[in-house]
Amino acid sequence: MNMDNRLSLMAGLMIGLGAYGFLALGGIPGAVIFAFGLVGVVLSGTLLYTGKAGVMTDIWALAKIWLFNIIGCILVGLLVVSLGGEPMERARSVVAGRLAQGPWRSFLRAVGCGLIIDLSVWLYRTKGNLVPVLFGVPLFIVSGFYHSIADVVYLVGAWKWAPAILWYYPVIVLGNYAGCNIRRLILPKS
């Protein structure tokens, strides 16, 4: 496995652990502890789909980052299933709520998350300040926005198949991509 794949896998594990923390705690405390994932990603320089979608033009390289992020989150999702309990019940509740939104609302919720994550990472990279990351993650969670990488933990952790997942997951991946590129459209030289 090459270094970029390893960095992508590690980012998926960190986001997955943040998502697990959210499932374990729930509410505002869970949203705050989730920030561990993105803080870990920006400080370690690992590769996260939503951290790179607004700056990369090589779609194939971005797709590889996404794939290895997913593998990391699948591993954490399997941990949720293996340990069971409240985190698994919360994962089921999260997934049911997401699937009930339908494609259009899910897409818009994913756009919101992509925009917040892109801005948080961009501000960290340009200003060297973690505050946007520390506030950005809880902001997207309490706003009810969807993160395509973290959602893999919820989908696997719920351990329940639903045909709606076939439309849901691609819609949020595309929504995150769209949201991550809003800044690039408005400020093309940034």
N, C-alpha and C. Protein backbone atom coordinates (compact mmCIF):
# COMPACT_ATOMS: atom_id res chain seq x y z
N MET A 1 0.86 -1.18 0.00
CA MET A 1 0.00 0.00 0.00
C MET A 1 0.90 1.24 0.00
N ASN A 2 0.63 2.17 -0.92
CA ASN A 2 1.48 3.36 -1.00
C ASN A 2 1.14 4.34 0.13
N MET A 3 1.97 5.37 0.28
CA MET A 3 1.82 6.30 1.40
C MET A 3 0.50 7.07 1.35
N ASP A 4 0.06 7.51 0.16
CA ASP A 4 -1.21 8.23 0.09
C ASP A 4 -2.37 7.36 0.54
N ASN A 5 -2.35 6.08 0.18
CA ASN A 5 -3.40 5.17 0.62
C ASN A 5 -3.36 4.99 2.14
N ARG A 6 -2.18 4.91 2.69
CA ARG A 6 -2.04 4.80 4.16
C ARG A 6 -2.55 6.06 4.86
N LEU A 7 -2.20 7.22 4.29
CA LEU A 7 -2.66 8.49 4.88
C LEU A 7 -4.18 8.61 4.78
N SER A 8 -4.76 8.10 3.72
CA SER A 8 -6.21 8.13 3.54
C SER A 8 -6.89 7.16 4.50
N LEU A 9 -6.32 5.98 4.65
CA LEU A 9 -6.86 5.00 5.61
C LEU A 9 -6.83 5.56 7.03
N MET A 10 -5.71 6.18 7.39
CA MET A 10 -5.58 6.76 8.73
C MET A 10 -6.60 7.87 8.96
N ALA A 11 -6.83 8.70 7.94
CA ALA A 11 -7.84 9.76 8.07
C ALA A 11 -9.21 9.14 8.30
N GLY A 12 -9.52 8.06 7.57
CA GLY A 12 -10.80 7.37 7.78
C GLY A 12 -10.93 6.82 9.18
N LEU A 13 -9.84 6.28 9.72
CA LEU A 13 -9.88 5.78 11.10
C LEU A 13 -10.12 6.92 12.09
N MET A 14 -9.46 8.06 11.87
CA MET A 14 -9.64 9.18 12.81
C MET A 14 -11.05 9.75 12.74
N ILE A 15 -11.58 9.93 11.52
CA ILE A 15 -12.96 10.41 11.40
C ILE A 15 -13.91 9.37 12.00
N GLY A 16 -13.62 8.10 11.74
CA GLY A 16 -14.44 7.03 12.31
C GLY A 16 -14.45 7.05 13.82
N LEU A 17 -13.31 7.28 14.43
CA LEU A 17 -13.26 7.35 15.90
C LEU A 17 -14.04 8.56 16.42
N GLY A 18 -13.95 9.68 15.69
CA GLY A 18 -14.75 10.84 16.07
C GLY A 18 -16.24 10.52 15.99
N ALA A 19 -16.64 9.83 14.92
CA ALA A 19 -18.05 9.43 14.77
C ALA A 19 -18.46 8.46 15.87
N TYR A 20 -17.56 7.57 16.24
CA TYR A 20 -17.85 6.64 17.34
C TYR A 20 -18.06 7.41 18.65
N GLY A 21 -17.21 8.42 18.88
CA GLY A 21 -17.39 9.25 20.07
C GLY A 21 -18.74 9.93 20.08
N PHE A 22 -19.18 10.39 18.89
CA PHE A 22 -20.51 10.99 18.80
C PHE A 22 -21.59 9.97 19.15
N LEU A 23 -21.45 8.75 18.63
CA LEU A 23 -22.44 7.71 18.94
C LEU A 23 -22.42 7.33 20.42
N ALA A 24 -21.26 7.36 21.03
CA ALA A 24 -21.15 6.98 22.44
C ALA A 24 -21.75 8.03 23.37
N LEU A 25 -21.56 9.32 23.03
CA LEU A 25 -22.03 10.39 23.90
C LEU A 25 -23.36 10.99 23.48
N GLY A 26 -23.53 11.17 22.18
CA GLY A 26 -24.74 11.82 21.67
C GLY A 26 -24.77 13.30 21.99
N GLY A 27 -25.71 14.00 21.42
CA GLY A 27 -25.96 15.42 21.71
C GLY A 27 -24.76 16.32 21.48
N ILE A 28 -24.77 17.46 22.18
CA ILE A 28 -23.69 18.44 22.05
C ILE A 28 -22.34 17.87 22.49
N PRO A 29 -22.27 17.14 23.61
CA PRO A 29 -20.96 16.56 23.98
C PRO A 29 -20.40 15.65 22.89
N GLY A 30 -21.27 14.86 22.29
CA GLY A 30 -20.82 13.98 21.20
C GLY A 30 -20.36 14.76 19.99
N ALA A 31 -21.06 15.86 19.68
CA ALA A 31 -20.68 16.71 18.55
C ALA A 31 -19.31 17.34 18.79
N VAL A 32 -19.05 17.74 20.02
CA VAL A 32 -17.76 18.35 20.36
C VAL A 32 -16.65 17.31 20.29
N ILE A 33 -16.89 16.13 20.85
CA ILE A 33 -15.84 15.11 20.86
C ILE A 33 -15.55 14.60 19.45
N PHE A 34 -16.53 14.69 18.56
CA PHE A 34 -16.33 14.29 17.16
C PHE A 34 -15.19 15.08 16.53
N ALA A 35 -14.97 16.31 16.99
CA ALA A 35 -13.92 17.16 16.42
C ALA A 35 -12.55 16.50 16.50
N PHE A 36 -12.37 15.52 17.39
CA PHE A 36 -11.11 14.78 17.47
C PHE A 36 -10.69 14.30 16.08
N GLY A 37 -11.65 13.79 15.32
CA GLY A 37 -11.35 13.24 14.01
C GLY A 37 -10.73 14.26 13.07
N LEU A 38 -11.39 15.40 12.89
CA LEU A 38 -10.87 16.40 11.95
C LEU A 38 -9.63 17.10 12.49
N VAL A 39 -9.55 17.30 13.79
CA VAL A 39 -8.33 17.86 14.37
C VAL A 39 -7.16 16.92 14.09
N GLY A 40 -7.39 15.63 14.29
CA GLY A 40 -6.34 14.65 13.99
C GLY A 40 -5.93 14.67 12.53
N VAL A 41 -6.90 14.80 11.65
CA VAL A 41 -6.60 14.84 10.21
C VAL A 41 -5.74 16.06 9.86
N VAL A 42 -6.14 17.24 10.30
CA VAL A 42 -5.39 18.44 9.90
C VAL A 42 -4.01 18.49 10.56
N LEU A 43 -3.91 18.03 11.80
CA LEU A 43 -2.61 18.07 12.47
C LEU A 43 -1.64 17.03 11.93
N SER A 44 -2.16 15.88 11.52
CA SER A 44 -1.29 14.81 11.03
C SER A 44 -1.01 14.91 9.54
N GLY A 45 -1.79 15.72 8.83
CA GLY A 45 -1.61 15.83 7.39
C GLY A 45 -2.12 14.63 6.62
N THR A 46 -3.01 13.86 7.23
CA THR A 46 -3.59 12.72 6.53
C THR A 46 -4.59 13.23 5.49
N LEU A 47 -5.08 12.34 4.64
CA LEU A 47 -5.88 12.74 3.48
C LEU A 47 -7.34 12.37 3.68
N LEU A 48 -8.19 13.38 3.72
CA LEU A 48 -9.62 13.20 3.93
C LEU A 48 -10.38 13.71 2.71
N TYR A 49 -11.31 12.90 2.23
CA TYR A 49 -12.11 13.26 1.05
C TYR A 49 -12.67 14.68 1.17
N THR A 50 -13.35 15.00 2.27
CA THR A 50 -13.96 16.32 2.40
C THR A 50 -12.93 17.41 2.69
N GLY A 51 -11.73 17.04 3.05
CA GLY A 51 -10.68 18.02 3.23
C GLY A 51 -9.95 18.32 1.92
N LYS A 52 -10.08 17.42 0.94
CA LYS A 52 -9.38 17.56 -0.33
C LYS A 52 -10.29 17.87 -1.51
N ALA A 53 -11.60 17.59 -1.39
CA ALA A 53 -12.51 17.73 -2.54
C ALA A 53 -12.58 19.16 -3.07
N GLY A 54 -12.31 20.15 -2.25
CA GLY A 54 -12.37 21.54 -2.69
C GLY A 54 -11.05 22.06 -3.22
N VAL A 55 -10.00 21.24 -3.19
CA VAL A 55 -8.69 21.71 -3.66
C VAL A 55 -8.07 20.81 -4.72
N MET A 56 -8.58 19.61 -4.89
CA MET A 56 -8.00 18.68 -5.86
C MET A 56 -8.77 18.71 -7.17
N THR A 57 -8.05 18.63 -8.27
CA THR A 57 -8.70 18.54 -9.57
C THR A 57 -8.58 17.14 -10.16
N ASP A 58 -7.71 16.31 -9.61
CA ASP A 58 -7.54 14.93 -10.08
C ASP A 58 -8.61 14.06 -9.41
N ILE A 59 -9.68 13.80 -10.15
CA ILE A 59 -10.81 13.05 -9.59
C ILE A 59 -10.41 11.62 -9.23
N TRP A 60 -9.54 11.00 -10.01
CA TRP A 60 -9.10 9.64 -9.71
C TRP A 60 -8.36 9.60 -8.37
N ALA A 61 -7.46 10.53 -8.14
CA ALA A 61 -6.74 10.59 -6.86
C ALA A 61 -7.71 10.86 -5.71
N LEU A 62 -8.69 11.72 -5.94
CA LEU A 62 -9.70 12.01 -4.92
C LEU A 62 -10.54 10.75 -4.63
N ALA A 63 -10.87 10.00 -5.66
CA ALA A 63 -11.64 8.77 -5.48
C ALA A 63 -10.86 7.74 -4.65
N LYS A 64 -9.54 7.69 -4.83
CA LYS A 64 -8.73 6.77 -4.03
C LYS A 64 -8.70 7.21 -2.57
N ILE A 65 -8.63 8.51 -2.33
CA ILE A 65 -8.69 9.01 -0.95
C ILE A 65 -10.02 8.59 -0.33
N TRP A 66 -11.10 8.83 -1.06
CA TRP A 66 -12.45 8.47 -0.59
C TRP A 66 -12.52 6.99 -0.25
N LEU A 67 -12.02 6.13 -1.14
CA LEU A 67 -12.08 4.68 -0.94
C LEU A 67 -11.36 4.26 0.34
N PHE A 68 -10.16 4.76 0.55
CA PHE A 68 -9.42 4.37 1.74
C PHE A 68 -9.99 5.01 3.01
N ASN A 69 -10.58 6.20 2.89
CA ASN A 69 -11.33 6.78 4.03
C ASN A 69 -12.46 5.84 4.42
N ILE A 70 -13.17 5.32 3.41
CA ILE A 70 -14.30 4.42 3.64
C ILE A 70 -13.84 3.15 4.34
N ILE A 71 -12.73 2.60 3.90
CA ILE A 71 -12.22 1.37 4.53
C ILE A 71 -11.95 1.62 6.01
N GLY A 72 -11.32 2.76 6.34
CA GLY A 72 -11.07 3.08 7.74
C GLY A 72 -12.36 3.18 8.54
N CYS A 73 -13.39 3.80 7.96
CA CYS A 73 -14.66 3.94 8.67
C CYS A 73 -15.43 2.62 8.75
N ILE A 74 -15.27 1.76 7.76
CA ILE A 74 -15.89 0.43 7.85
C ILE A 74 -15.32 -0.31 9.06
N LEU A 75 -14.01 -0.21 9.25
CA LEU A 75 -13.39 -0.89 10.40
C LEU A 75 -13.96 -0.37 11.71
N VAL A 76 -14.12 0.94 11.82
CA VAL A 76 -14.70 1.51 13.06
C VAL A 76 -16.17 1.12 13.17
N GLY A 77 -16.90 1.11 12.05
CA GLY A 77 -18.30 0.67 12.07
C GLY A 77 -18.44 -0.76 12.56
N LEU A 78 -17.50 -1.62 12.17
CA LEU A 78 -17.52 -3.01 12.66
C LEU A 78 -17.23 -3.06 14.16
N LEU A 79 -16.44 -2.13 14.65
CA LEU A 79 -16.21 -2.03 16.10
C LEU A 79 -17.52 -1.67 16.81
N VAL A 80 -18.27 -0.73 16.23
CA VAL A 80 -19.58 -0.36 16.80
C VAL A 80 -20.46 -1.60 16.90
N VAL A 81 -20.52 -2.38 15.83
CA VAL A 81 -21.34 -3.59 15.82
C VAL A 81 -20.82 -4.59 16.85
N SER A 82 -19.52 -4.79 16.91
CA SER A 82 -18.94 -5.78 17.82
C SER A 82 -19.18 -5.44 19.28
N LEU A 83 -19.15 -4.15 19.61
CA LEU A 83 -19.35 -3.74 21.00
C LEU A 83 -20.82 -3.54 21.34
N GLY A 84 -21.65 -3.28 20.33
CA GLY A 84 -23.10 -3.14 20.53
C GLY A 84 -23.44 -2.01 21.48
N GLY A 85 -24.57 -2.15 22.17
CA GLY A 85 -24.99 -1.19 23.16
C GLY A 85 -25.53 0.11 22.59
N GLU A 86 -25.42 1.17 23.38
CA GLU A 86 -25.97 2.47 23.02
C GLU A 86 -25.42 3.03 21.71
N PRO A 87 -24.11 2.93 21.44
CA PRO A 87 -23.62 3.44 20.16
C PRO A 87 -24.31 2.78 18.96
N MET A 88 -24.54 1.48 19.03
CA MET A 88 -25.21 0.79 17.93
C MET A 88 -26.66 1.25 17.80
N GLU A 89 -27.33 1.44 18.93
CA GLU A 89 -28.71 1.94 18.90
C GLU A 89 -28.76 3.35 18.32
N ARG A 90 -27.80 4.19 18.71
CA ARG A 90 -27.76 5.55 18.13
C ARG A 90 -27.48 5.50 16.64
N ALA A 91 -26.63 4.58 16.21
CA ALA A 91 -26.34 4.45 14.77
C ALA A 91 -27.62 4.10 14.03
N ARG A 92 -28.42 3.21 14.56
CA ARG A 92 -29.68 2.85 13.92
C ARG A 92 -30.62 4.04 13.83
N SER A 93 -30.66 4.81 14.89
CA SER A 93 -31.52 6.00 14.91
C SER A 93 -31.04 7.04 13.90
N VAL A 94 -29.73 7.25 13.86
CA VAL A 94 -29.15 8.21 12.91
C VAL A 94 -29.47 7.80 11.47
N VAL A 95 -29.26 6.53 11.16
CA VAL A 95 -29.49 6.06 9.79
C VAL A 95 -30.97 6.17 9.42
N ALA A 96 -31.85 5.79 10.33
CA ALA A 96 -33.29 5.89 10.04
C ALA A 96 -33.68 7.34 9.75
N GLY A 97 -33.16 8.26 10.54
CA GLY A 97 -33.46 9.68 10.33
C GLY A 97 -32.93 10.20 9.00
N ARG A 98 -31.76 9.75 8.64
CA ARG A 98 -31.15 10.20 7.38
C ARG A 98 -31.94 9.67 6.18
N LEU A 99 -32.27 8.40 6.20
CA LEU A 99 -32.99 7.81 5.07
C LEU A 99 -34.38 8.40 4.92
N ALA A 100 -34.97 8.88 6.01
CA ALA A 100 -36.30 9.47 5.95
C ALA A 100 -36.30 10.85 5.29
N GLN A 101 -35.14 11.46 5.13
CA GLN A 101 -35.05 12.81 4.55
C GLN A 101 -35.31 12.85 3.05
N GLY A 102 -35.06 11.76 2.37
CA GLY A 102 -35.21 11.75 0.92
C GLY A 102 -33.98 12.31 0.23
N PRO A 103 -33.89 12.12 -1.10
CA PRO A 103 -32.68 12.51 -1.82
C PRO A 103 -32.36 14.01 -1.81
N TRP A 104 -33.33 14.86 -2.06
CA TRP A 104 -33.05 16.29 -2.17
C TRP A 104 -32.57 16.88 -0.85
N ARG A 105 -33.27 16.59 0.23
CA ARG A 105 -32.85 17.12 1.54
C ARG A 105 -31.50 16.53 1.96
N SER A 106 -31.30 15.26 1.66
CA SER A 106 -30.01 14.64 1.98
C SER A 106 -28.88 15.34 1.22
N PHE A 107 -29.12 15.63 -0.05
CA PHE A 107 -28.12 16.33 -0.85
C PHE A 107 -27.80 17.70 -0.24
N LEU A 108 -28.84 18.46 0.10
CA LEU A 108 -28.63 19.78 0.68
C LEU A 108 -27.90 19.71 2.02
N ARG A 109 -28.25 18.72 2.82
CA ARG A 109 -27.56 18.54 4.12
C ARG A 109 -26.09 18.18 3.91
N ALA A 110 -25.81 17.43 2.85
CA ALA A 110 -24.43 17.08 2.54
C ALA A 110 -23.66 18.29 2.00
N VAL A 111 -24.33 19.13 1.21
CA VAL A 111 -23.69 20.36 0.72
C VAL A 111 -23.27 21.23 1.90
N GLY A 112 -24.17 21.38 2.88
CA GLY A 112 -23.85 22.19 4.07
C GLY A 112 -22.63 21.67 4.79
N CYS A 113 -22.55 20.36 4.96
CA CYS A 113 -21.40 19.77 5.63
C CYS A 113 -20.13 20.00 4.82
N GLY A 114 -20.20 19.75 3.52
CA GLY A 114 -19.02 19.95 2.68
C GLY A 114 -18.48 21.37 2.76
N LEU A 115 -19.39 22.34 2.74
CA LEU A 115 -18.97 23.74 2.84
C LEU A 115 -18.28 24.01 4.17
N ILE A 116 -18.87 23.54 5.27
CA ILE A 116 -18.29 23.79 6.59
C ILE A 116 -16.92 23.11 6.73
N ILE A 117 -16.81 21.86 6.29
CA ILE A 117 -15.53 21.15 6.41
C ILE A 117 -14.47 21.82 5.54
N ASP A 118 -14.83 22.16 4.31
CA ASP A 118 -13.87 22.83 3.43
C ASP A 118 -13.39 24.15 4.05
N LEU A 119 -14.31 24.94 4.55
CA LEU A 119 -13.92 26.22 5.16
C LEU A 119 -13.06 26.01 6.40
N SER A 120 -13.41 25.02 7.21
CA SER A 120 -12.63 24.74 8.42
C SER A 120 -11.20 24.35 8.08
N VAL A 121 -11.05 23.44 7.10
CA VAL A 121 -9.72 22.99 6.70
C VAL A 121 -8.95 24.12 6.01
N TRP A 122 -9.62 24.88 5.14
CA TRP A 122 -8.99 26.00 4.44
C TRP A 122 -8.49 27.04 5.45
N LEU A 123 -9.31 27.38 6.42
CA LEU A 123 -8.89 28.36 7.43
C LEU A 123 -7.73 27.83 8.26
N TYR A 124 -7.75 26.53 8.57
CA TYR A 124 -6.61 25.97 9.29
C TYR A 124 -5.34 26.07 8.44
N ARG A 125 -5.45 25.70 7.16
CA ARG A 125 -4.27 25.72 6.28
C ARG A 125 -3.74 27.13 6.05
N THR A 126 -4.63 28.10 5.92
CA THR A 126 -4.18 29.46 5.60
C THR A 126 -3.81 30.27 6.84
N LYS A 127 -4.43 29.99 7.96
CA LYS A 127 -4.19 30.77 9.18
C LYS A 127 -3.46 29.99 10.27
N GLY A 128 -3.40 28.66 10.13
CA GLY A 128 -2.73 27.85 11.14
C GLY A 128 -3.48 27.81 12.46
N ASN A 129 -4.79 28.01 12.41
CA ASN A 129 -5.59 28.11 13.62
C ASN A 129 -6.60 26.96 13.66
N LEU A 130 -6.64 26.25 14.78
CA LEU A 130 -7.55 25.12 14.93
C LEU A 130 -8.98 25.51 15.31
N VAL A 131 -9.21 26.76 15.67
CA VAL A 131 -10.54 27.17 16.14
C VAL A 131 -11.63 26.86 15.11
N PRO A 132 -11.44 27.15 13.81
CA PRO A 132 -12.50 26.82 12.85
C PRO A 132 -12.80 25.31 12.81
N VAL A 133 -11.79 24.49 13.00
CA VAL A 133 -12.00 23.04 13.03
C VAL A 133 -12.78 22.65 14.28
N LEU A 134 -12.38 23.22 15.41
CA LEU A 134 -13.04 22.88 16.68
C LEU A 134 -14.50 23.30 16.70
N PHE A 135 -14.83 24.38 16.01
CA PHE A 135 -16.23 24.82 15.95
C PHE A 135 -16.96 24.27 14.72
N GLY A 136 -16.24 24.04 13.64
CA GLY A 136 -16.86 23.59 12.40
C GLY A 136 -17.50 22.21 12.53
N VAL A 137 -16.83 21.30 13.20
CA VAL A 137 -17.37 19.95 13.33
C VAL A 137 -18.66 19.95 14.14
N PRO A 138 -18.68 20.52 15.34
CA PRO A 138 -19.97 20.56 16.05
C PRO A 138 -21.03 21.33 15.28
N LEU A 139 -20.62 22.38 14.53
CA LEU A 139 -21.58 23.15 13.75
C LEU A 139 -22.28 22.27 12.72
N PHE A 140 -21.54 21.46 11.98
CA PHE A 140 -22.21 20.65 10.97
C PHE A 140 -23.09 19.58 11.61
N ILE A 141 -22.69 19.09 12.77
CA ILE A 141 -23.50 18.05 13.42
C ILE A 141 -24.79 18.64 14.00
N VAL A 142 -24.70 19.72 14.75
CA VAL A 142 -25.92 20.28 15.33
C VAL A 142 -26.83 20.88 14.27
N SER A 143 -26.27 21.21 13.10
CA SER A 143 -27.09 21.71 11.99
C SER A 143 -27.80 20.59 11.26
N GLY A 144 -27.45 19.36 11.57
CA GLY A 144 -28.08 18.22 10.92
C GLY A 144 -27.52 17.94 9.54
N PHE A 145 -26.27 18.33 9.30
CA PHE A 145 -25.65 18.10 8.01
C PHE A 145 -24.97 16.74 7.99
N TYR A 146 -24.74 16.22 6.77
CA TYR A 146 -24.27 14.84 6.60
C TYR A 146 -22.86 14.79 6.04
N HIS A 147 -22.01 14.01 6.68
CA HIS A 147 -20.62 13.82 6.26
C HIS A 147 -20.48 12.42 5.67
N SER A 148 -20.14 12.36 4.39
CA SER A 148 -20.14 11.08 3.68
C SER A 148 -19.14 10.07 4.24
N ILE A 149 -18.08 10.51 4.85
CA ILE A 149 -17.11 9.57 5.41
C ILE A 149 -17.60 9.07 6.77
N ALA A 150 -17.97 9.98 7.66
CA ALA A 150 -18.47 9.58 8.97
C ALA A 150 -19.73 8.72 8.86
N ASP A 151 -20.56 9.02 7.87
CA ASP A 151 -21.81 8.26 7.74
C ASP A 151 -21.57 6.78 7.48
N VAL A 152 -20.41 6.41 6.99
CA VAL A 152 -20.11 5.00 6.81
C VAL A 152 -20.09 4.29 8.17
N VAL A 153 -19.59 4.96 9.19
CA VAL A 153 -19.61 4.38 10.53
C VAL A 153 -21.05 4.13 10.96
N TYR A 154 -21.92 5.10 10.71
CA TYR A 154 -23.32 4.95 11.10
C TYR A 154 -24.00 3.84 10.30
N LEU A 155 -23.75 3.81 8.99
CA LEU A 155 -24.39 2.81 8.13
C LEU A 155 -23.95 1.39 8.51
N VAL A 156 -22.66 1.21 8.74
CA VAL A 156 -22.17 -0.11 9.14
C VAL A 156 -22.60 -0.40 10.57
N GLY A 157 -22.47 0.59 11.45
CA GLY A 157 -22.82 0.40 12.86
C GLY A 157 -24.29 0.07 13.09
N ALA A 158 -25.16 0.54 12.21
CA ALA A 158 -26.59 0.23 12.34
C ALA A 158 -26.86 -1.24 12.03
N TRP A 159 -26.01 -1.82 11.21
CA TRP A 159 -26.07 -3.24 10.87
C TRP A 159 -27.45 -3.67 10.39
N LYS A 160 -28.01 -2.83 9.54
CA LYS A 160 -29.34 -3.12 9.01
C LYS A 160 -29.39 -2.63 7.57
N TRP A 161 -29.70 -3.53 6.65
CA TRP A 161 -29.76 -3.18 5.25
C TRP A 161 -31.09 -2.50 4.93
N ALA A 162 -31.03 -1.47 4.11
CA ALA A 162 -32.23 -0.81 3.60
C ALA A 162 -31.95 -0.43 2.15
N PRO A 163 -32.87 -0.72 1.23
CA PRO A 163 -32.64 -0.37 -0.18
C PRO A 163 -32.38 1.12 -0.40
N ALA A 164 -32.89 1.98 0.47
CA ALA A 164 -32.68 3.42 0.31
C ALA A 164 -31.21 3.80 0.41
N ILE A 165 -30.38 2.95 0.98
CA ILE A 165 -28.94 3.24 1.07
C ILE A 165 -28.35 3.38 -0.34
N LEU A 166 -28.95 2.69 -1.30
CA LEU A 166 -28.45 2.75 -2.68
C LEU A 166 -28.57 4.14 -3.29
N TRP A 167 -29.57 4.92 -2.92
CA TRP A 167 -29.63 6.30 -3.40
C TRP A 167 -28.96 7.23 -2.40
N TYR A 168 -29.10 6.92 -1.10
CA TYR A 168 -28.64 7.82 -0.06
C TYR A 168 -27.13 8.09 -0.14
N TYR A 169 -26.35 7.03 -0.13
CA TYR A 169 -24.91 7.24 -0.02
C TYR A 169 -24.32 8.00 -1.21
N PRO A 170 -24.62 7.65 -2.45
CA PRO A 170 -24.08 8.45 -3.57
C PRO A 170 -24.52 9.92 -3.52
N VAL A 171 -25.73 10.17 -3.07
CA VAL A 171 -26.23 11.55 -2.98
C VAL A 171 -25.41 12.36 -1.99
N ILE A 172 -25.05 11.78 -0.84
CA ILE A 172 -24.28 12.58 0.12
C ILE A 172 -22.82 12.73 -0.29
N VAL A 173 -22.27 11.73 -0.99
CA VAL A 173 -20.91 11.89 -1.50
C VAL A 173 -20.87 13.06 -2.49
N LEU A 174 -21.84 13.11 -3.39
CA LEU A 174 -21.90 14.21 -4.37
C LEU A 174 -22.22 15.54 -3.69
N GLY A 175 -23.11 15.52 -2.69
CA GLY A 175 -23.43 16.74 -1.96
C GLY A 175 -22.23 17.30 -1.23
N ASN A 176 -21.44 16.42 -0.59
CA ASN A 176 -20.22 16.88 0.07
C ASN A 176 -19.26 17.50 -0.95
N TYR A 177 -19.13 16.85 -2.11
CA TYR A 177 -18.24 17.37 -3.15
C TYR A 177 -18.70 18.77 -3.59
N ALA A 178 -19.99 18.91 -3.82
CA ALA A 178 -20.53 20.22 -4.23
C ALA A 178 -20.26 21.27 -3.16
N GLY A 179 -20.52 20.95 -1.90
CA GLY A 179 -20.29 21.89 -0.81
C GLY A 179 -18.83 22.26 -0.65
N CYS A 180 -17.95 21.28 -0.84
CA CYS A 180 -16.51 21.53 -0.72
C CYS A 180 -16.00 22.45 -1.82
N ASN A 181 -16.74 22.61 -2.90
CA ASN A 181 -16.28 23.42 -4.03
C ASN A 181 -16.92 24.80 -4.09
N ILE A 182 -17.78 25.13 -3.16
CA ILE A 182 -18.41 26.46 -3.16
C ILE A 182 -17.36 27.55 -2.99
N ARG A 183 -16.46 27.37 -2.03
CA ARG A 183 -15.41 28.36 -1.81
C ARG A 183 -14.55 28.53 -3.06
N ARG A 184 -14.22 27.45 -3.71
CA ARG A 184 -13.38 27.49 -4.93
C ARG A 184 -14.09 28.26 -6.04
N LEU A 185 -15.41 28.16 -6.11
CA LEU A 185 -16.16 28.91 -7.12
C LEU A 185 -16.20 30.40 -6.80
N ILE A 186 -16.31 30.73 -5.53
CA ILE A 186 -16.42 32.14 -5.12
C ILE A 186 -15.04 32.81 -5.07
N LEU A 187 -14.05 32.09 -4.54
CA LEU A 187 -12.69 32.61 -4.41
C LEU A 187 -11.73 31.70 -5.17
N PRO A 188 -11.71 31.76 -6.49
CA PRO A 188 -10.96 30.79 -7.30
C PRO A 188 -9.46 30.78 -7.04
N LYS A 189 -8.89 31.84 -6.55
CA LYS A 189 -7.43 31.90 -6.32
C LYS A 189 -7.04 31.52 -4.90
N SER A 190 -8.00 31.13 -4.10
CA SER A 190 -7.66 30.85 -2.69
C SER A 190 -7.14 29.46 -2.48
